[in-house]
């Protein structure tokens, strides 16, 4: 359990430091037989740094309360 607490805490730290990411998809604009026109569409996924702090707190609690791994 202590190992799981450390892993959860590390994930929370990453969530706090990196507050989101971006990705790009291709979107078909025109499709006329052999002629196809596509465009790149940017998407963004963002979250609050408070979510990372909450996950770090959960990881700390799991670490402190968890029993020792064998």
N, C-alpha and C. Protein backbone atom coordinates (compact mmCIF):
# COMPACT_ATOMS: atom_id res chain seq x y z
N UNK A 1 0.82 -1.20 0.00
CA UNK A 1 0.00 0.00 0.00
C UNK A 1 0.86 1.26 0.00
N UNK A 2 1.99 1.19 0.67
CA UNK A 2 2.85 2.38 0.71
C UNK A 2 3.36 2.70 -0.69
N UNK A 3 3.67 1.67 -1.47
CA UNK A 3 4.13 1.88 -2.85
C UNK A 3 3.03 2.53 -3.68
N UNK A 4 1.79 2.08 -3.49
CA UNK A 4 0.66 2.68 -4.21
C UNK A 4 0.50 4.14 -3.81
N UNK A 5 0.69 4.46 -2.54
CA UNK A 5 0.60 5.85 -2.09
C UNK A 5 1.63 6.73 -2.74
N UNK A 6 2.86 6.21 -2.90
CA UNK A 6 3.92 6.97 -3.56
C UNK A 6 3.58 7.20 -5.03
N UNK A 7 3.05 6.16 -5.69
CA UNK A 7 2.69 6.30 -7.11
C UNK A 7 1.56 7.30 -7.29
N UNK A 8 0.53 7.23 -6.42
CA UNK A 8 -0.58 8.18 -6.50
C UNK A 8 -0.09 9.60 -6.24
N UNK A 9 0.79 9.76 -5.28
CA UNK A 9 1.35 11.08 -4.98
C UNK A 9 2.11 11.62 -6.20
N UNK A 10 2.91 10.77 -6.85
CA UNK A 10 3.68 11.20 -8.03
C UNK A 10 2.75 11.59 -9.18
N UNK A 11 1.67 10.86 -9.37
CA UNK A 11 0.70 11.22 -10.41
C UNK A 11 0.07 12.57 -10.09
N UNK A 12 -0.25 12.80 -8.82
CA UNK A 12 -0.80 14.10 -8.41
C UNK A 12 0.17 15.23 -8.66
N UNK A 13 1.46 14.97 -8.42
CA UNK A 13 2.48 15.98 -8.69
C UNK A 13 2.54 16.32 -10.18
N UNK A 14 2.47 15.29 -11.03
CA UNK A 14 2.47 15.53 -12.48
C UNK A 14 1.23 16.30 -12.91
N UNK A 15 0.07 15.97 -12.34
CA UNK A 15 -1.16 16.68 -12.67
C UNK A 15 -1.06 18.15 -12.25
N UNK A 16 -0.40 18.41 -11.13
CA UNK A 16 -0.24 19.79 -10.66
C UNK A 16 0.70 20.58 -11.57
N UNK A 17 1.78 19.96 -11.99
CA UNK A 17 2.78 20.65 -12.82
C UNK A 17 2.27 20.84 -14.25
N UNK A 18 1.70 19.78 -14.83
CA UNK A 18 1.19 19.85 -16.20
C UNK A 18 -0.32 19.95 -16.12
N UNK A 19 -0.84 21.17 -16.32
CA UNK A 19 -2.26 21.43 -16.13
C UNK A 19 -3.09 21.17 -17.38
N UNK A 20 -2.59 20.41 -18.31
CA UNK A 20 -3.35 20.08 -19.50
C UNK A 20 -2.45 19.69 -20.64
N UNK A 21 -3.08 19.33 -21.76
CA UNK A 21 -2.33 19.00 -22.96
C UNK A 21 -3.17 19.32 -24.18
N UNK A 22 -2.51 19.41 -25.32
CA UNK A 22 -3.17 19.71 -26.59
C UNK A 22 -2.95 18.55 -27.56
N UNK A 23 -3.91 18.36 -28.45
CA UNK A 23 -3.73 17.38 -29.51
C UNK A 23 -4.43 17.88 -30.77
N UNK A 24 -4.04 17.31 -31.90
CA UNK A 24 -4.53 17.77 -33.20
C UNK A 24 -5.19 16.59 -33.91
N UNK A 25 -6.37 16.85 -34.50
CA UNK A 25 -7.04 15.85 -35.33
C UNK A 25 -7.23 16.41 -36.73
N UNK A 26 -7.34 15.53 -37.70
CA UNK A 26 -7.62 15.95 -39.08
C UNK A 26 -9.11 15.85 -39.30
N UNK A 27 -9.68 16.91 -39.88
CA UNK A 27 -11.11 16.97 -40.14
C UNK A 27 -11.32 17.12 -41.64
N UNK A 28 -12.17 16.27 -42.20
CA UNK A 28 -12.45 16.33 -43.63
C UNK A 28 -13.41 17.48 -43.90
N UNK A 29 -12.99 18.42 -44.74
CA UNK A 29 -13.79 19.59 -45.08
C UNK A 29 -14.60 19.34 -46.35
N UNK A 30 -13.92 18.86 -47.40
CA UNK A 30 -14.57 18.62 -48.69
C UNK A 30 -14.19 17.23 -49.17
N UNK A 31 -15.18 16.48 -49.66
CA UNK A 31 -14.93 15.15 -50.22
C UNK A 31 -15.67 15.05 -51.55
N UNK A 32 -14.94 15.29 -52.64
CA UNK A 32 -15.52 15.23 -53.98
C UNK A 32 -14.84 14.11 -54.77
N UNK A 33 -15.19 12.88 -54.47
CA UNK A 33 -14.57 11.75 -55.16
C UNK A 33 -13.11 11.64 -54.80
N UNK A 34 -12.24 11.85 -55.81
CA UNK A 34 -10.80 11.75 -55.59
C UNK A 34 -10.22 12.98 -54.90
N UNK A 35 -10.95 14.06 -54.89
CA UNK A 35 -10.46 15.30 -54.28
C UNK A 35 -10.97 15.38 -52.84
N UNK A 36 -10.02 15.47 -51.92
CA UNK A 36 -10.37 15.60 -50.51
C UNK A 36 -9.58 16.76 -49.92
N UNK A 37 -10.26 17.59 -49.17
CA UNK A 37 -9.62 18.71 -48.49
C UNK A 37 -9.80 18.47 -46.99
N UNK A 38 -8.68 18.48 -46.27
CA UNK A 38 -8.73 18.29 -44.82
C UNK A 38 -8.11 19.50 -44.12
N UNK A 39 -8.45 19.63 -42.88
CA UNK A 39 -7.89 20.72 -42.06
C UNK A 39 -7.52 20.15 -40.69
N UNK A 40 -6.48 20.70 -40.11
CA UNK A 40 -6.09 20.32 -38.76
C UNK A 40 -6.95 21.10 -37.76
N UNK A 41 -7.48 20.38 -36.79
CA UNK A 41 -8.29 21.01 -35.75
C UNK A 41 -7.61 20.75 -34.42
N UNK A 42 -7.31 21.84 -33.71
CA UNK A 42 -6.62 21.74 -32.42
C UNK A 42 -7.64 21.57 -31.30
N UNK A 43 -7.32 20.67 -30.38
CA UNK A 43 -8.16 20.42 -29.20
C UNK A 43 -7.30 20.63 -27.96
N UNK A 44 -7.94 21.02 -26.90
CA UNK A 44 -7.24 21.27 -25.65
C UNK A 44 -7.96 20.57 -24.51
N UNK A 45 -7.19 19.89 -23.65
CA UNK A 45 -7.72 19.27 -22.44
C UNK A 45 -7.03 19.95 -21.27
N UNK A 46 -7.80 20.63 -20.44
CA UNK A 46 -7.24 21.37 -19.31
C UNK A 46 -7.93 20.95 -18.02
N UNK A 47 -7.19 21.03 -16.92
CA UNK A 47 -7.74 20.79 -15.60
C UNK A 47 -7.11 21.74 -14.61
N UNK A 48 -7.73 21.86 -13.48
CA UNK A 48 -7.26 22.78 -12.44
C UNK A 48 -6.08 22.16 -11.69
N UNK A 49 -5.10 22.97 -11.30
CA UNK A 49 -4.02 22.44 -10.47
C UNK A 49 -4.51 21.91 -9.13
N UNK A 50 -5.68 22.37 -8.68
CA UNK A 50 -6.24 21.88 -7.43
C UNK A 50 -6.57 20.39 -7.51
N UNK A 51 -6.87 19.90 -8.70
CA UNK A 51 -7.12 18.47 -8.87
C UNK A 51 -5.85 17.68 -8.54
N UNK A 52 -4.71 18.18 -8.99
CA UNK A 52 -3.44 17.52 -8.68
C UNK A 52 -3.13 17.55 -7.19
N UNK A 53 -3.43 18.67 -6.54
CA UNK A 53 -3.20 18.77 -5.09
C UNK A 53 -4.09 17.76 -4.36
N UNK A 54 -5.33 17.62 -4.81
CA UNK A 54 -6.24 16.65 -4.19
C UNK A 54 -5.72 15.22 -4.35
N UNK A 55 -5.21 14.90 -5.53
CA UNK A 55 -4.66 13.56 -5.76
C UNK A 55 -3.41 13.35 -4.90
N UNK A 56 -2.58 14.38 -4.74
CA UNK A 56 -1.40 14.26 -3.87
C UNK A 56 -1.82 14.01 -2.43
N UNK A 57 -2.88 14.66 -1.96
CA UNK A 57 -3.36 14.45 -0.60
C UNK A 57 -3.84 13.00 -0.43
N UNK A 58 -4.57 12.50 -1.41
CA UNK A 58 -5.03 11.11 -1.35
C UNK A 58 -3.82 10.17 -1.31
N UNK A 59 -2.82 10.43 -2.14
CA UNK A 59 -1.62 9.60 -2.13
C UNK A 59 -0.90 9.65 -0.80
N UNK A 60 -0.83 10.82 -0.18
CA UNK A 60 -0.21 10.95 1.13
C UNK A 60 -0.96 10.18 2.20
N UNK A 61 -2.29 10.23 2.14
CA UNK A 61 -3.10 9.49 3.11
C UNK A 61 -2.91 7.98 2.92
N UNK A 62 -2.91 7.53 1.67
CA UNK A 62 -2.70 6.11 1.40
C UNK A 62 -1.32 5.69 1.89
N UNK A 63 -0.33 6.52 1.70
CA UNK A 63 1.03 6.20 2.15
C UNK A 63 1.10 6.12 3.68
N UNK A 64 0.50 7.08 4.37
CA UNK A 64 0.59 7.12 5.83
C UNK A 64 -0.26 6.04 6.51
N UNK A 65 -1.43 5.75 5.94
CA UNK A 65 -2.36 4.81 6.57
C UNK A 65 -2.08 3.38 6.10
N UNK A 66 -1.50 3.23 4.92
CA UNK A 66 -1.31 1.90 4.35
C UNK A 66 -0.35 1.04 5.15
N UNK A 67 -0.59 -0.27 5.04
CA UNK A 67 0.30 -1.20 5.74
C UNK A 67 1.58 -1.39 4.94
N UNK A 68 2.60 -1.91 5.57
CA UNK A 68 3.90 -2.07 4.94
C UNK A 68 3.85 -3.20 3.91
N UNK A 69 4.44 -2.96 2.72
CA UNK A 69 4.53 -3.98 1.69
C UNK A 69 5.52 -5.05 2.10
N UNK A 70 5.29 -6.25 1.65
CA UNK A 70 6.21 -7.36 1.95
C UNK A 70 7.44 -7.30 1.09
